[in-house]
């Protein structure tokens, strides 16, 4: 699925619709973020399943790095996170 394909336009409209419904039903941001994460993994996996492993690695590195920065307030962790991802 490429960005300039009709499949992508349909996929994008579906995700926007789902996110809009989720917003109308409740204001839980974590569920909308999880929906976007799953949609991202599906989009990359649809093109090539190997890309999902790369995306998983980058997601974990940035999530763990962000949590460490929040707890320790150390700027070196930001540098390490950028280098690893």
N, C-alpha and C. Protein backbone atom coordinates (compact mmCIF):
# COMPACT_ATOMS: atom_id res chain seq x y z
N UNK A 1 0.86 -1.17 0.00
CA UNK A 1 0.00 0.00 0.00
C UNK A 1 0.91 1.23 0.00
N UNK A 2 0.76 2.06 -0.99
CA UNK A 2 1.54 3.28 -1.10
C UNK A 2 0.68 4.49 -0.69
N UNK A 3 1.34 5.58 -0.37
CA UNK A 3 0.63 6.79 0.05
C UNK A 3 -0.27 7.35 -1.05
N UNK A 4 0.08 7.11 -2.30
CA UNK A 4 -0.69 7.68 -3.40
C UNK A 4 -1.64 6.65 -4.04
N UNK A 5 -2.04 5.63 -3.28
CA UNK A 5 -2.95 4.61 -3.81
C UNK A 5 -4.35 4.79 -3.23
N UNK A 6 -5.32 4.21 -3.92
CA UNK A 6 -6.69 4.26 -3.43
C UNK A 6 -6.85 3.42 -2.17
N UNK A 7 -6.04 2.36 -2.04
CA UNK A 7 -6.07 1.55 -0.81
C UNK A 7 -5.73 2.40 0.41
N UNK A 8 -4.70 3.24 0.26
CA UNK A 8 -4.30 4.09 1.38
C UNK A 8 -5.38 5.11 1.72
N UNK A 9 -5.99 5.69 0.70
CA UNK A 9 -7.06 6.67 0.96
C UNK A 9 -8.20 6.01 1.72
N UNK A 10 -8.58 4.81 1.31
CA UNK A 10 -9.62 4.08 2.02
C UNK A 10 -9.22 3.73 3.44
N UNK A 11 -7.97 3.30 3.60
CA UNK A 11 -7.45 2.97 4.93
C UNK A 11 -7.43 4.20 5.82
N UNK A 12 -6.97 5.31 5.27
CA UNK A 12 -6.91 6.56 6.04
C UNK A 12 -8.30 7.02 6.46
N UNK A 13 -9.25 6.96 5.54
CA UNK A 13 -10.62 7.36 5.88
C UNK A 13 -11.22 6.44 6.95
N UNK A 14 -10.92 5.16 6.86
CA UNK A 14 -11.41 4.21 7.87
C UNK A 14 -10.83 4.54 9.25
N UNK A 15 -9.55 4.81 9.32
CA UNK A 15 -8.91 5.13 10.60
C UNK A 15 -9.43 6.45 11.15
N UNK A 16 -9.61 7.44 10.29
CA UNK A 16 -10.17 8.72 10.76
C UNK A 16 -11.58 8.50 11.30
N UNK A 17 -12.38 7.67 10.62
CA UNK A 17 -13.73 7.38 11.08
C UNK A 17 -13.71 6.68 12.44
N UNK A 18 -12.85 5.67 12.58
CA UNK A 18 -12.76 4.94 13.85
C UNK A 18 -12.32 5.87 14.98
N UNK A 19 -11.33 6.71 14.73
CA UNK A 19 -10.86 7.65 15.75
C UNK A 19 -11.94 8.67 16.11
N UNK A 20 -12.72 9.09 15.12
CA UNK A 20 -13.81 10.02 15.41
C UNK A 20 -14.88 9.38 16.28
N UNK A 21 -15.22 8.13 15.98
CA UNK A 21 -16.20 7.41 16.80
C UNK A 21 -15.67 7.21 18.21
N UNK A 22 -14.40 6.85 18.33
CA UNK A 22 -13.81 6.68 19.66
C UNK A 22 -13.85 7.98 20.44
N UNK A 23 -13.64 9.08 19.77
CA UNK A 23 -13.66 10.38 20.46
C UNK A 23 -15.08 10.74 20.92
N UNK A 24 -16.07 10.40 20.09
CA UNK A 24 -17.46 10.68 20.47
C UNK A 24 -17.91 9.81 21.64
N UNK A 25 -17.46 8.56 21.65
CA UNK A 25 -17.89 7.62 22.70
C UNK A 25 -17.24 7.98 24.03
N UNK A 26 -15.97 8.22 24.02
CA UNK A 26 -15.25 8.51 25.27
C UNK A 26 -14.04 9.37 25.01
N UNK A 27 -13.51 9.88 26.08
CA UNK A 27 -12.35 10.77 25.95
C UNK A 27 -11.07 10.09 26.40
N UNK A 28 -11.00 8.77 26.25
CA UNK A 28 -9.82 8.03 26.66
C UNK A 28 -8.76 8.12 25.57
N UNK A 29 -7.74 8.91 25.83
CA UNK A 29 -6.68 9.14 24.85
C UNK A 29 -5.85 7.89 24.65
N UNK A 30 -5.70 7.06 25.67
CA UNK A 30 -4.88 5.85 25.54
C UNK A 30 -5.45 4.90 24.50
N UNK A 31 -6.77 4.81 24.42
CA UNK A 31 -7.39 3.92 23.44
C UNK A 31 -7.16 4.46 22.03
N UNK A 32 -7.27 5.77 21.85
CA UNK A 32 -7.00 6.35 20.53
C UNK A 32 -5.54 6.19 20.13
N UNK A 33 -4.63 6.35 21.08
CA UNK A 33 -3.21 6.15 20.79
C UNK A 33 -2.94 4.69 20.42
N UNK A 34 -3.58 3.76 21.11
CA UNK A 34 -3.41 2.34 20.80
C UNK A 34 -3.97 2.04 19.41
N UNK A 35 -5.10 2.66 19.06
CA UNK A 35 -5.67 2.48 17.73
C UNK A 35 -4.70 2.97 16.65
N UNK A 36 -4.10 4.14 16.87
CA UNK A 36 -3.12 4.66 15.91
C UNK A 36 -1.88 3.77 15.81
N UNK A 37 -1.46 3.22 16.95
CA UNK A 37 -0.30 2.33 16.94
C UNK A 37 -0.59 1.06 16.15
N UNK A 38 -1.76 0.48 16.37
CA UNK A 38 -2.14 -0.73 15.64
C UNK A 38 -2.29 -0.44 14.16
N UNK A 39 -2.88 0.71 13.82
CA UNK A 39 -3.02 1.09 12.41
C UNK A 39 -1.65 1.28 11.76
N UNK A 40 -0.71 1.86 12.49
CA UNK A 40 0.64 2.05 11.95
C UNK A 40 1.32 0.71 11.69
N UNK A 41 1.20 -0.20 12.64
CA UNK A 41 1.79 -1.52 12.45
C UNK A 41 1.15 -2.24 11.27
N UNK A 42 -0.17 -2.12 11.13
CA UNK A 42 -0.85 -2.75 9.99
C UNK A 42 -0.38 -2.14 8.67
N UNK A 43 -0.26 -0.81 8.63
CA UNK A 43 0.16 -0.14 7.40
C UNK A 43 1.55 -0.59 6.98
N UNK A 44 2.49 -0.61 7.92
CA UNK A 44 3.85 -1.03 7.58
C UNK A 44 3.91 -2.51 7.28
N UNK A 45 3.14 -3.32 8.01
CA UNK A 45 3.13 -4.75 7.77
C UNK A 45 2.48 -5.13 6.45
N UNK A 46 1.55 -4.34 6.00
CA UNK A 46 0.89 -4.59 4.72
C UNK A 46 1.88 -4.48 3.57
N UNK A 47 2.80 -3.56 3.66
CA UNK A 47 3.80 -3.37 2.62
C UNK A 47 4.87 -4.45 2.69
N UNK A 48 5.42 -4.64 3.89
CA UNK A 48 6.47 -5.64 4.09
C UNK A 48 6.50 -6.00 5.57
N UNK A 49 6.33 -7.27 5.88
CA UNK A 49 6.23 -7.70 7.27
C UNK A 49 7.52 -7.42 8.05
N UNK A 50 8.64 -7.35 7.37
CA UNK A 50 9.90 -7.05 8.03
C UNK A 50 9.94 -5.65 8.62
N UNK A 51 9.21 -4.75 8.02
CA UNK A 51 9.17 -3.38 8.53
C UNK A 51 8.52 -3.29 9.90
N UNK A 52 7.63 -4.22 10.20
CA UNK A 52 6.98 -4.18 11.51
C UNK A 52 7.99 -4.49 12.62
N UNK A 53 8.97 -5.32 12.35
CA UNK A 53 10.00 -5.60 13.35
C UNK A 53 10.84 -4.36 13.62
N UNK A 54 11.17 -3.63 12.56
CA UNK A 54 11.91 -2.38 12.73
C UNK A 54 11.08 -1.37 13.51
N UNK A 55 9.80 -1.27 13.16
CA UNK A 55 8.91 -0.34 13.85
C UNK A 55 8.75 -0.73 15.31
N UNK A 56 8.67 -2.02 15.60
CA UNK A 56 8.57 -2.49 16.98
C UNK A 56 9.82 -2.11 17.77
N UNK A 57 11.00 -2.29 17.18
CA UNK A 57 12.24 -1.93 17.85
C UNK A 57 12.29 -0.43 18.14
N UNK A 58 11.96 0.38 17.15
CA UNK A 58 12.00 1.84 17.33
C UNK A 58 10.96 2.27 18.37
N UNK A 59 9.80 1.66 18.35
CA UNK A 59 8.76 1.98 19.33
C UNK A 59 9.23 1.68 20.74
N UNK A 60 9.80 0.51 20.94
CA UNK A 60 10.27 0.13 22.28
C UNK A 60 11.41 1.01 22.76
N UNK A 61 12.37 1.29 21.88
CA UNK A 61 13.51 2.14 22.26
C UNK A 61 13.01 3.52 22.68
N UNK A 62 12.12 4.10 21.90
CA UNK A 62 11.63 5.44 22.21
C UNK A 62 10.73 5.46 23.43
N UNK A 63 9.92 4.43 23.62
CA UNK A 63 9.06 4.37 24.80
C UNK A 63 9.88 4.25 26.07
N UNK A 64 10.83 3.33 26.06
CA UNK A 64 11.68 3.14 27.25
C UNK A 64 12.54 4.37 27.49
N UNK A 65 13.10 4.95 26.42
CA UNK A 65 13.90 6.17 26.56
C UNK A 65 13.08 7.32 27.11
N UNK A 66 11.86 7.47 26.64
CA UNK A 66 10.98 8.53 27.14
C UNK A 66 10.64 8.36 28.61
N UNK A 67 10.39 7.12 29.01
CA UNK A 67 10.11 6.86 30.43
C UNK A 67 11.33 7.16 31.30
N UNK A 68 12.51 6.80 30.81
CA UNK A 68 13.73 7.06 31.58
C UNK A 68 14.00 8.57 31.69
N UNK A 69 13.78 9.31 30.61
CA UNK A 69 13.98 10.76 30.65
C UNK A 69 13.00 11.38 31.64
N UNK A 70 11.77 10.92 31.64
CA UNK A 70 10.75 11.46 32.55
C UNK A 70 11.13 11.22 34.02
N UNK A 71 11.69 10.05 34.30
CA UNK A 71 12.05 9.71 35.68
C UNK A 71 13.35 10.37 36.14
N UNK A 72 14.36 10.34 35.27
CA UNK A 72 15.70 10.76 35.71
C UNK A 72 16.09 12.16 35.26
N UNK A 73 15.38 12.72 34.31
CA UNK A 73 15.66 14.08 33.79
C UNK A 73 17.11 14.21 33.32
N UNK A 74 17.64 13.18 32.68
CA UNK A 74 19.03 13.19 32.21
C UNK A 74 19.04 13.34 30.68
N UNK A 75 19.71 14.35 30.20
CA UNK A 75 19.74 14.65 28.77
C UNK A 75 20.56 13.63 27.98
N UNK A 76 21.45 12.91 28.63
CA UNK A 76 22.24 11.90 27.92
C UNK A 76 21.37 10.75 27.44
N UNK A 77 20.28 10.49 28.14
CA UNK A 77 19.36 9.43 27.73
C UNK A 77 18.71 9.79 26.40
N UNK A 78 18.42 11.08 26.20
CA UNK A 78 17.85 11.52 24.93
C UNK A 78 18.83 11.24 23.79
N UNK A 79 20.09 11.53 24.01
CA UNK A 79 21.11 11.27 22.98
C UNK A 79 21.22 9.78 22.66
N UNK A 80 21.20 8.97 23.71
CA UNK A 80 21.28 7.53 23.51
C UNK A 80 20.06 7.01 22.76
N UNK A 81 18.91 7.51 23.08
CA UNK A 81 17.68 7.10 22.40
C UNK A 81 17.72 7.47 20.92
N UNK A 82 18.21 8.67 20.62
CA UNK A 82 18.30 9.10 19.22
C UNK A 82 19.28 8.22 18.45
N UNK A 83 20.40 7.89 19.07
CA UNK A 83 21.40 7.06 18.41
C UNK A 83 20.85 5.66 18.17
N UNK A 84 20.15 5.09 19.14
CA UNK A 84 19.63 3.73 18.99
C UNK A 84 18.49 3.64 17.99
N UNK A 85 17.72 4.70 17.87
CA UNK A 85 16.59 4.59 16.94
C UNK A 85 16.95 5.23 15.61
